[in-house]
C-alpha atoms as a PDB file:
ATOM      1  CA  UNK A   1     -47.995 -79.658-103.519  1.00  0.00           C
ATOM      2  CA  UNK A   2     -50.921 -81.470-105.151  1.00  0.00           C
ATOM      3  CA  UNK A   3     -52.184 -81.561-108.722  1.00  0.00           C
ATOM      4  CA  UNK A   4     -55.661 -82.298-110.013  1.00  0.00           C
ATOM      5  CA  UNK A   5     -55.777 -83.593-113.587  1.00  0.00           C
ATOM      6  CA  UNK A   6     -58.351 -84.802-116.073  1.00  0.00           C
ATOM      7  CA  UNK A   7     -58.304 -85.982-119.676  1.00  0.00           C
ATOM      8  CA  UNK A   8     -60.892 -84.412-121.953  1.00  0.00           C
ATOM      9  CA  UNK A   9     -61.803 -84.476-125.639  1.00  0.00           C
ATOM     10  CA  UNK A  10     -60.308 -81.705-127.771  1.00  0.00           C
ATOM     11  CA  UNK A  11     -63.770 -80.273-128.577  1.00  0.00           C
ATOM     12  CA  UNK A  12     -64.059 -79.162-124.929  1.00  0.00           C
ATOM     13  CA  UNK A  13     -60.895 -77.028-125.135  1.00  0.00           C
ATOM     14  CA  UNK A  14     -62.802 -73.723-125.345  1.00  0.00           C
ATOM     15  CA  UNK A  15     -64.958 -74.645-122.367  1.00  0.00           C
ATOM     16  CA  UNK A  16     -61.930 -75.497-120.219  1.00  0.00           C
ATOM     17  CA  UNK A  17     -60.040 -72.381-121.316  1.00  0.00           C
ATOM     18  CA  UNK A  18     -62.919 -70.164-120.228  1.00  0.00           C
ATOM     19  CA  UNK A  19     -63.558 -72.095-117.033  1.00  0.00           C
ATOM     20  CA  UNK A  20     -59.934 -71.796-115.903  1.00  0.00           C
ATOM     21  CA  UNK A  21     -59.151 -68.372-117.334  1.00  0.00           C
ATOM     22  CA  UNK A  22     -57.389 -66.192-114.769  1.00  0.00           C
ATOM     23  CA  UNK A  23     -56.300 -69.128-112.611  1.00  0.00           C
ATOM     24  CA  UNK A  24     -52.474 -68.859-112.630  1.00  0.00           C
ATOM     25  CA  UNK A  25     -52.096 -72.446-111.410  1.00  0.00           C
ATOM     26  CA  UNK A  26     -53.871 -74.110-114.324  1.00  0.00           C
ATOM     27  CA  UNK A  27     -52.295 -75.804-117.338  1.00  0.00           C
ATOM     28  CA  UNK A  28     -54.007 -77.206-120.447  1.00  0.00           C
ATOM     29  CA  UNK A  29     -51.883 -79.460-122.674  1.00  0.00           C
ATOM     30  CA  UNK A  30     -52.777 -81.006-126.019  1.00  0.00           C
ATOM     31  CA  UNK A  31     -51.970 -84.712-126.173  1.00  0.00           C
ATOM     32  CA  UNK A  32     -50.144 -86.141-129.164  1.00  0.00           C
ATOM     33  CA  UNK A  33     -52.621 -87.123-131.851  1.00  0.00           C
ATOM     34  CA  UNK A  34     -54.708 -83.964-131.447  1.00  0.00           C
ATOM     35  CA  UNK A  35     -57.874 -85.644-130.156  1.00  0.00           C
ATOM     36  CA  UNK A  36     -57.468 -85.083-126.405  1.00  0.00           C
ATOM     37  CA  UNK A  37     -56.254 -82.545-123.860  1.00  0.00           C
ATOM     38  CA  UNK A  38     -54.975 -82.852-120.311  1.00  0.00           C
ATOM     39  CA  UNK A  39     -56.307 -80.268-117.852  1.00  0.00           C
ATOM     40  CA  UNK A  40     -54.324 -79.677-114.638  1.00  0.00           C
ATOM     41  CA  UNK A  41     -54.628 -77.390-111.622  1.00  0.00           C
ATOM     42  CA  UNK A  42     -51.782 -77.170-109.082  1.00  0.00           C
ATOM     43  CA  UNK A  43     -52.824 -76.710-105.461  1.00  0.00           C
ATOM     44  CA  UNK A  44     -51.035 -76.087-102.173  1.00  0.00           C
ATOM     45  CA  UNK A  45     -53.450 -78.282-100.202  1.00  0.00           C
ATOM     46  CA  UNK A  46     -54.867 -81.723-100.919  1.00  0.00           C
ATOM     47  CA  UNK A  47     -58.305 -80.510 -99.811  1.00  0.00           C
ATOM     48  CA  UNK A  48     -58.348 -77.843-102.525  1.00  0.00           C
ATOM     49  CA  UNK A  49     -57.490 -80.401-105.230  1.00  0.00           C
ATOM     50  CA  UNK A  50     -60.089 -82.778-103.791  1.00  0.00           C
ATOM     51  CA  UNK A  51     -62.838 -80.182-104.148  1.00  0.00           C
ATOM     52  CA  UNK A  52     -62.023 -79.822-107.847  1.00  0.00           C
ATOM     53  CA  UNK A  53     -62.174 -83.611-108.245  1.00  0.00           C
ATOM     54  CA  UNK A  54     -65.582 -83.677-106.545  1.00  0.00           C
ATOM     55  CA  UNK A  55     -66.837 -81.124-109.055  1.00  0.00           C
ATOM     56  CA  UNK A  56     -65.271 -82.376-112.291  1.00  0.00           C
ATOM     57  CA  UNK A  57     -64.024 -85.924-111.676  1.00  0.00           C
ATOM     58  CA  UNK A  58     -60.456 -86.673-112.691  1.00  0.00           C
ATOM     59  CA  UNK A  59     -57.636 -87.592-110.309  1.00  0.00           C
ATOM     60  CA  UNK A  60     -55.435 -86.027-107.631  1.00  0.00           C
ATOM     61  CA  UNK A  61     -51.802 -86.840-106.943  1.00  0.00           C
ATOM     62  CA  UNK A  62     -49.103 -85.457-104.695  1.00  0.00           C
ATOM     63  CA  UNK A  63     -46.035 -83.778-106.167  1.00  0.00           C
ATOM     64  CA  UNK A  64     -42.731 -83.981-104.350  1.00  0.00           C
ATOM     65  CA  UNK A  65     -41.516 -80.785-105.994  1.00  0.00           C
ATOM     66  CA  UNK A  66     -43.224 -77.679-107.342  1.00  0.00           C
ATOM     67  CA  UNK A  67     -43.977 -77.224-111.005  1.00  0.00           C
ATOM     68  CA  UNK A  68     -42.442 -73.762-111.164  1.00  0.00           C
ATOM     69  CA  UNK A  69     -43.725 -73.115-114.675  1.00  0.00           C
ATOM     70  CA  UNK A  70     -47.309 -73.541-113.552  1.00  0.00           C
ATOM     71  CA  UNK A  71     -46.897 -71.832-110.194  1.00  0.00           C
ATOM     72  CA  UNK A  72     -44.947 -68.775-111.266  1.00  0.00           C
ATOM     73  CA  UNK A  73     -47.468 -67.305-113.705  1.00  0.00           C
ATOM     74  CA  UNK A  74     -47.949 -63.637-112.803  1.00  0.00           C
ATOM     75  CA  UNK A  75     -51.283 -62.371-111.596  1.00  0.00           C
ATOM     76  CA  UNK A  76     -53.136 -60.159-114.042  1.00  0.00           C
ATOM     77  CA  UNK A  77     -52.932 -56.405-113.700  1.00  0.00           C
ATOM     78  CA  UNK A  78     -56.095 -54.667-112.460  1.00  0.00           C
ATOM     79  CA  UNK A  79     -58.659 -54.300-115.214  1.00  0.00           C
ATOM     80  CA  UNK A  80     -59.998 -50.777-115.817  1.00  0.00           C
ATOM     81  CA  UNK A  81     -63.532 -50.552-117.171  1.00  0.00           C
ATOM     82  CA  UNK A  82     -64.374 -47.189-118.777  1.00  0.00           C
ATOM     83  CA  UNK A  83     -62.699 -45.059-116.051  1.00  0.00           C
ATOM     84  CA  UNK A  84     -65.508 -46.245-113.779  1.00  0.00           C
ATOM     85  CA  UNK A  85     -64.688 -49.674-112.377  1.00  0.00           C
ATOM     86  CA  UNK A  86     -61.500 -51.514-111.461  1.00  0.00           C
ATOM     87  CA  UNK A  87     -61.495 -55.317-111.223  1.00  0.00           C
ATOM     88  CA  UNK A  88     -58.505 -56.639-109.284  1.00  0.00           C
ATOM     89  CA  UNK A  89     -57.500 -60.204-108.488  1.00  0.00           C
ATOM     90  CA  UNK A  90     -55.771 -59.077-105.265  1.00  0.00           C
ATOM     91  CA  UNK A  91     -56.689 -56.526-102.570  1.00  0.00           C
ATOM     92  CA  UNK A  92     -55.686 -52.944-103.373  1.00  0.00           C
ATOM     93  CA  UNK A  93     -54.299 -50.260-101.081  1.00  0.00           C
ATOM     94  CA  UNK A  94     -56.435 -47.386 -99.855  1.00  0.00           C
ATOM     95  CA  UNK A  95     -55.973 -44.469-102.212  1.00  0.00           C
ATOM     96  CA  UNK A  96     -55.203 -46.616-105.236  1.00  0.00           C
ATOM     97  CA  UNK A  97     -57.590 -46.068-108.156  1.00  0.00           C
ATOM     98  CA  UNK A  98     -59.043 -42.920-106.604  1.00  0.00           C
ATOM     99  CA  UNK A  99     -62.431 -41.924-107.983  1.00  0.00           C
ATOM    100  CA  UNK A 100     -63.246 -45.445-109.171  1.00  0.00           C
ATOM    101  CA  UNK A 101     -65.115 -48.328-107.613  1.00  0.00           C
ATOM    102  CA  UNK A 102     -62.954 -51.412-107.045  1.00  0.00           C
ATOM    103  CA  UNK A 103     -64.082 -55.027-107.048  1.00  0.00           C
ATOM    104  CA  UNK A 104     -61.691 -57.710-105.813  1.00  0.00           C
ATOM    105  CA  UNK A 105     -62.326 -61.001-107.621  1.00  0.00           C
ATOM    106  CA  UNK A 106     -59.530 -63.568-107.164  1.00  0.00           C
ATOM    107  CA  UNK A 107     -59.241 -66.454-109.639  1.00  0.00           C
ATOM    108  CA  UNK A 108     -61.166 -69.493-108.462  1.00  0.00           C
ATOM    109  CA  UNK A 109     -62.914 -72.438-110.092  1.00  0.00           C
ATOM    110  CA  UNK A 110     -65.635 -70.292-111.672  1.00  0.00           C
ATOM    111  CA  UNK A 111     -66.161 -68.013-114.626  1.00  0.00           C
ATOM    112  CA  UNK A 112     -65.564 -64.326-114.462  1.00  0.00           C
ATOM    113  CA  UNK A 113     -62.423 -62.932-112.855  1.00  0.00           C
ATOM    114  CA  UNK A 114     -63.282 -60.012-115.114  1.00  0.00           C
ATOM    115  CA  UNK A 115     -60.442 -60.076-117.628  1.00  0.00           C
ATOM    116  CA  UNK A 116     -61.720 -62.843-119.886  1.00  0.00           C
ATOM    117  CA  UNK A 117     -62.974 -61.369-123.182  1.00  0.00           C
ATOM    118  CA  UNK A 118     -66.547 -62.506-122.551  1.00  0.00           C
ATOM    119  CA  UNK A 119     -66.744 -60.976-119.075  1.00  0.00           C
ATOM    120  CA  UNK A 120     -64.829 -57.755-119.729  1.00  0.00           C
ATOM    121  CA  UNK A 121     -66.999 -56.940-122.752  1.00  0.00           C
ATOM    122  CA  UNK A 122     -70.150 -57.513-120.700  1.00  0.00           C
ATOM    123  CA  UNK A 123     -68.753 -55.163-118.061  1.00  0.00           C
ATOM    124  CA  UNK A 124     -68.141 -52.423-120.637  1.00  0.00           C
ATOM    125  CA  UNK A 125     -71.625 -52.822-122.075  1.00  0.00           C
ATOM    126  CA  UNK A 126     -73.030 -52.680-118.555  1.00  0.00           C
ATOM    127  CA  UNK A 127     -71.169 -49.504-117.607  1.00  0.00           C
ATOM    128  CA  UNK A 128     -72.237 -47.772-120.830  1.00  0.00           C
ATOM    129  CA  UNK A 129     -75.909 -48.718-120.503  1.00  0.00           C
ATOM    130  CA  UNK A 130     -76.145 -48.014-116.762  1.00  0.00           C
ATOM    131  CA  UNK A 131     -75.255 -44.376-117.477  1.00  0.00           C
ATOM    132  CA  UNK A 132     -78.512 -44.100-119.465  1.00  0.00           C
ATOM    133  CA  UNK A 133     -80.766 -45.571-116.772  1.00  0.00           C
ATOM    134  CA  UNK A 134     -82.545 -44.103-113.789  1.00  0.00           C
ATOM    135  CA  UNK A 135     -81.484 -45.394-110.401  1.00  0.00           C
ATOM    136  CA  UNK A 136     -82.852 -48.637-108.973  1.00  0.00           C
ATOM    137  CA  UNK A 137     -83.153 -50.528-112.253  1.00  0.00           C
ATOM    138  CA  UNK A 138     -83.520 -54.310-111.968  1.00  0.00           C
ATOM    139  CA  UNK A 139     -80.846 -56.751-113.093  1.00  0.00           C
ATOM    140  CA  UNK A 140     -80.662 -60.506-113.713  1.00  0.00           C
ATOM    141  CA  UNK A 141     -77.365 -62.362-114.257  1.00  0.00           C
ATOM    142  CA  UNK A 142     -77.829 -65.796-115.860  1.00  0.00           C
ATOM    143  CA  UNK A 143     -74.713 -67.928-115.421  1.00  0.00           C
ATOM    144  CA  UNK A 144     -73.322 -65.613-112.764  1.00  0.00           C
ATOM    145  CA  UNK A 145     -70.030 -67.465-112.165  1.00  0.00           C
ATOM    146  CA  UNK A 146     -67.982 -65.388-109.722  1.00  0.00           C
ATOM    147  CA  UNK A 147     -70.771 -62.811-109.460  1.00  0.00           C
ATOM    148  CA  UNK A 148     -68.647 -59.997-110.882  1.00  0.00           C
ATOM    149  CA  UNK A 149     -71.345 -58.747-113.281  1.00  0.00           C
ATOM    150  CA  UNK A 150     -74.041 -58.711-110.616  1.00  0.00           C
ATOM    151  CA  UNK A 151     -71.740 -56.865-108.204  1.00  0.00           C
ATOM    152  CA  UNK A 152     -70.870 -54.350-110.908  1.00  0.00           C
ATOM    153  CA  UNK A 153     -74.571 -53.786-111.617  1.00  0.00           C
ATOM    154  CA  UNK A 154     -75.196 -53.051-107.944  1.00  0.00           C
ATOM    155  CA  UNK A 155     -72.348 -50.540-107.838  1.00  0.00           C
ATOM    156  CA  UNK A 156     -73.678 -48.914-111.020  1.00  0.00           C
ATOM    157  CA  UNK A 157     -77.066 -48.194-109.485  1.00  0.00           C
ATOM    158  CA  UNK A 158     -79.196 -51.313-109.863  1.00  0.00           C
ATOM    159  CA  UNK A 159     -81.834 -51.867-107.209  1.00  0.00           C
ATOM    160  CA  UNK A 160     -82.996 -55.466-107.281  1.00  0.00           C
ATOM    161  CA  UNK A 161     -80.160 -57.743-108.405  1.00  0.00           C
ATOM    162  CA  UNK A 162     -80.356 -61.517-108.824  1.00  0.00           C
ATOM    163  CA  UNK A 163     -77.882 -64.001-110.215  1.00  0.00           C
ATOM    164  CA  UNK A 164     -77.962 -67.738-110.624  1.00  0.00           C
ATOM    165  CA  UNK A 165     -75.728 -70.485-111.944  1.00  0.00           C
ATOM    166  CA  UNK A 166     -76.153 -74.159-112.762  1.00  0.00           C
ATOM    167  CA  UNK A 167     -72.852 -74.789-110.945  1.00  0.00           C
ATOM    168  CA  UNK A 168     -73.294 -74.825-107.179  1.00  0.00           C
ATOM    169  CA  UNK A 169     -69.562 -74.257-106.662  1.00  0.00           C
ATOM    170  CA  UNK A 170     -69.789 -71.059-108.700  1.00  0.00           C
ATOM    171  CA  UNK A 171     -72.588 -69.835-106.438  1.00  0.00           C
ATOM    172  CA  UNK A 172     -70.385 -70.494-103.395  1.00  0.00           C
ATOM    173  CA  UNK A 173     -67.646 -68.385-104.998  1.00  0.00           C
ATOM    174  CA  UNK A 174     -70.111 -65.586-105.812  1.00  0.00           C
ATOM    175  CA  UNK A 175     -71.324 -65.490-102.209  1.00  0.00           C
ATOM    176  CA  UNK A 176     -67.735 -65.326-100.950  1.00  0.00           C
ATOM    177  CA  UNK A 177     -67.081 -62.433-103.311  1.00  0.00           C
ATOM    178  CA  UNK A 178     -70.082 -60.566-101.899  1.00  0.00           C
ATOM    179  CA  UNK A 179     -68.563 -60.815 -98.420  1.00  0.00           C
ATOM    180  CA  UNK A 180     -65.092 -59.981 -99.714  1.00  0.00           C
ATOM    181  CA  UNK A 181     -66.359 -56.780-101.345  1.00  0.00           C
ATOM    182  CA  UNK A 182     -68.878 -55.917 -98.599  1.00  0.00           C
ATOM    183  CA  UNK A 183     -71.764 -55.647-101.023  1.00  0.00           C
ATOM    184  CA  UNK A 184     -75.343 -56.198 -99.919  1.00  0.00           C
ATOM    185  CA  UNK A 185     -78.659 -56.476-101.717  1.00  0.00           C
ATOM    186  CA  UNK A 186     -77.802 -59.235-104.193  1.00  0.00           C
ATOM    187  CA  UNK A 187     -79.421 -62.670-104.246  1.00  0.00           C
ATOM    188  CA  UNK A 188     -77.349 -65.555-105.625  1.00  0.00           C
ATOM    189  CA  UNK A 189     -78.701 -69.082-105.987  1.00  0.00           C
ATOM    190  CA  UNK A 190     -78.228 -72.352-107.845  1.00  0.00           C
ATOM    191  CA  UNK A 191     -80.642 -72.873-110.748  1.00  0.00           C
ATOM    192  CA  UNK A 192     -80.942 -74.292-114.263  1.00  0.00           C
ATOM    193  CA  UNK A 193     -81.944 -71.826-116.993  1.00  0.00           C
ATOM    194  CA  UNK A 194     -84.212 -74.527-118.467  1.00  0.00           C
ATOM    195  CA  UNK A 195     -86.058 -75.101-115.183  1.00  0.00           C
ATOM    196  CA  UNK A 196     -85.978 -71.747-113.361  1.00  0.00           C
ATOM    197  CA  UNK A 197     -88.872 -69.392-114.018  1.00  0.00           C
ATOM    198  CA  UNK A 198     -90.403 -66.190-112.708  1.00  0.00           C
ATOM    199  CA  UNK A 199     -93.237 -63.804-113.551  1.00  0.00           C
ATOM    200  CA  UNK A 200     -90.903 -60.878-112.878  1.00  0.00           C
ATOM    201  CA  UNK A 201     -89.347 -58.883-115.699  1.00  0.00           C
ATOM    202  CA  UNK A 202     -85.925 -57.225-115.451  1.00  0.00           C
ATOM    203  CA  UNK A 203     -84.740 -54.058-117.156  1.00  0.00           C
ATOM    204  CA  UNK A 204     -81.282 -55.510-117.818  1.00  0.00           C
ATOM    205  CA  UNK A 205     -80.466 -59.195-118.282  1.00  0.00           C
ATOM    206  CA  UNK A 206     -77.015 -60.641-118.951  1.00  0.00           C
ATOM    207  CA  UNK A 207     -76.530 -64.226-120.140  1.00  0.00           C
ATOM    208  CA  UNK A 208     -72.884 -65.262-120.450  1.00  0.00           C
ATOM    209  CA  UNK A 209     -73.427 -68.855-121.552  1.00  0.00           C
ATOM    210  CA  UNK A 210     -72.247 -71.195-124.270  1.00  0.00           C
ATOM    211  CA  UNK A 211     -73.849 -70.652-127.682  1.00  0.00           C
ATOM    212  CA  UNK A 212     -75.711 -73.959-127.728  1.00  0.00           C
ATOM    213  CA  UNK A 213     -77.352 -73.112-124.399  1.00  0.00           C
ATOM    214  CA  UNK A 214     -78.249 -69.579-125.526  1.00  0.00           C
ATOM    215  CA  UNK A 215     -79.945 -70.774-128.720  1.00  0.00           C
ATOM    216  CA  UNK A 216     -82.167 -73.178-126.808  1.00  0.00           C
ATOM    217  CA  UNK A 217     -82.798 -70.863-123.833  1.00  0.00           C
ATOM    218  CA  UNK A 218     -83.554 -67.560-125.612  1.00  0.00           C
ATOM    219  CA  UNK A 219     -87.339 -68.142-125.837  1.00  0.00           C
ATOM    220  CA  UNK A 220     -87.373 -68.562-122.044  1.00  0.00           C
ATOM    221  CA  UNK A 221     -85.018 -65.635-121.441  1.00  0.00           C
ATOM    222  CA  UNK A 222     -87.282 -63.337-123.481  1.00  0.00           C
ATOM    223  CA  UNK A 223     -89.983 -63.667-120.799  1.00  0.00           C
ATOM    224  CA  UNK A 224     -87.661 -62.202-118.182  1.00  0.00           C
ATOM    225  CA  UNK A 225     -86.660 -59.039-120.053  1.00  0.00           C
ATOM    226  CA  UNK A 226     -89.075 -56.117-119.748  1.00  0.00           C
ATOM    227  CA  UNK A 227     -90.467 -54.438-122.878  1.00  0.00           C
ATOM    228  CA  UNK A 228     -87.779 -52.028-124.048  1.00  0.00           C
ATOM    229  CA  UNK A 229     -85.291 -53.701-121.693  1.00  0.00           C
ATOM    230  CA  UNK A 230     -81.733 -54.614-122.565  1.00  0.00           C
ATOM    231  CA  UNK A 231     -80.268 -58.094-123.122  1.00  0.00           C
ATOM    232  CA  UNK A 232     -76.498 -58.633-123.151  1.00  0.00           C
ATOM    233  CA  UNK A 233     -75.275 -61.963-124.524  1.00  0.00           C
ATOM    234  CA  UNK A 234     -71.761 -63.385-124.390  1.00  0.00           C
ATOM    235  CA  UNK A 235     -69.853 -66.658-124.443  1.00  0.00           C
ATOM    236  CA  UNK A 236     -70.425 -66.909-128.216  1.00  0.00           C
ATOM    237  CA  UNK A 237     -67.751 -68.235-130.563  1.00  0.00           C
ATOM    238  CA  UNK A 238     -67.458 -66.290-133.826  1.00  0.00           C
ATOM    239  CA  UNK A 239     -68.544 -69.209-135.971  1.00  0.00           C
ATOM    240  CA  UNK A 240     -71.691 -69.609-133.833  1.00  0.00           C
ATOM    241  CA  UNK A 241     -72.715 -65.936-133.863  1.00  0.00           C
ATOM    242  CA  UNK A 242     -75.132 -66.168-136.799  1.00  0.00           C
ATOM    243  CA  UNK A 243     -77.096 -68.989-135.189  1.00  0.00           C
ATOM    244  CA  UNK A 244     -77.381 -67.048-131.908  1.00  0.00           C
ATOM    245  CA  UNK A 245     -78.423 -63.801-133.623  1.00  0.00           C
ATOM    246  CA  UNK A 246     -81.159 -65.604-135.562  1.00  0.00           C
ATOM    247  CA  UNK A 247     -82.420 -67.217-132.340  1.00  0.00           C
ATOM    248  CA  UNK A 248     -82.434 -63.830-130.581  1.00  0.00           C
ATOM    249  CA  UNK A 249     -84.477 -62.232-133.373  1.00  0.00           C
ATOM    250  CA  UNK A 250     -86.921 -65.124-133.255  1.00  0.00           C
ATOM    251  CA  UNK A 251     -87.319 -64.627-129.509  1.00  0.00           C
ATOM    252  CA  UNK A 252     -88.344 -60.984-129.969  1.00  0.00           C
ATOM    253  CA  UNK A 253     -85.060 -59.108-129.586  1.00  0.00           C
ATOM    254  CA  UNK A 254     -83.785 -56.288-131.774  1.00  0.00           C
ATOM    255  CA  UNK A 255     -80.042 -56.337-132.447  1.00  0.00           C
ATOM    256  CA  UNK A 256     -78.122 -53.216-131.377  1.00  0.00           C
ATOM    257  CA  UNK A 257     -74.411 -53.981-131.620  1.00  0.00           C
ATOM    258  CA  UNK A 258     -71.783 -56.663-131.283  1.00  0.00           C
ATOM    259  CA  UNK A 259     -68.109 -56.736-130.346  1.00  0.00           C
ATOM    260  CA  UNK A 260     -65.547 -59.377-131.321  1.00  0.00           C
ATOM    261  CA  UNK A 261     -62.522 -59.992-129.103  1.00  0.00           C
ATOM    262  CA  UNK A 262     -60.320 -62.832-130.294  1.00  0.00           C
ATOM    263  CA  UNK A 263     -62.563 -65.811-131.028  1.00  0.00           C
ATOM    264  CA  UNK A 264     -65.410 -64.521-128.812  1.00  0.00           C
ATOM    265  CA  UNK A 265     -68.469 -62.422-129.654  1.00  0.00           C
ATOM    266  CA  UNK A 266     -70.601 -60.382-127.237  1.00  0.00           C
ATOM    267  CA  UNK A 267     -73.720 -58.474-128.250  1.00  0.00           C
ATOM    268  CA  UNK A 268     -76.500 -56.189-127.026  1.00  0.00           C
ATOM    269  CA  UNK A 269     -80.186 -56.400-127.895  1.00  0.00           C
ATOM    270  CA  UNK A 270     -83.366 -54.516-127.004  1.00  0.00           C
ATOM    271  CA  UNK A 271     -86.577 -56.334-126.121  1.00  0.00           C
ATOM    272  CA  UNK A 272     -89.173 -55.249-128.657  1.00  0.00           C
ATOM    273  CA  UNK A 273     -92.038 -53.294-127.104  1.00  0.00           C
END
């Protein structure tokens, strides 16, 4: 048994919680004094812990005995999205969830196992809107993480589907999930929202990013959403919602609706024609 650990400032707590959400082997502890946190992930193999260190820094040490509290956390139950999709962290038996499409997305070091509030709300928005669209609509997933939103879009009838992430490790996970779910026709790649560009416009764009990134990136994102197209935003803390909504309006988007789950806000916008 090996454990990766890293000290971090308390202001990064939300970022670490979202990054590790759904990973049953992760532990976040607040250090006395309230200014720092310790982030830990327990691994069976040294190589696995080493890969996390390569990505985030920190340290790796061997444990002579298991931390049963960290290792015994139950896996989440399958997540049902609008009687249409099922997101499961483990493979399901044939015949289970009959009449629904199933995506298997195990917890790894990337966003988006599906059950985090930001991701699950995006999935519900996506299912609802896809029912209104003709087949073969185009879809762009900015900050794709595990690729669950892009895979869901493909299942729901999207034609051209692209997804990118600043984190190369997340892209590796997304590509593995494509193979795991035997889905074709999706392009995943590593890119920075502030550097990537295209002349293409997409009918549906999802950006599940931190609020500070959204505010700065929305003028660029507006170029990639077709006139009358739909933008879904998430990763927004409640206290940062007003700033994001103002930035979206300034970038040419018309607000449609928002949903609050816990401390997170997700919202849908139309691109003004």
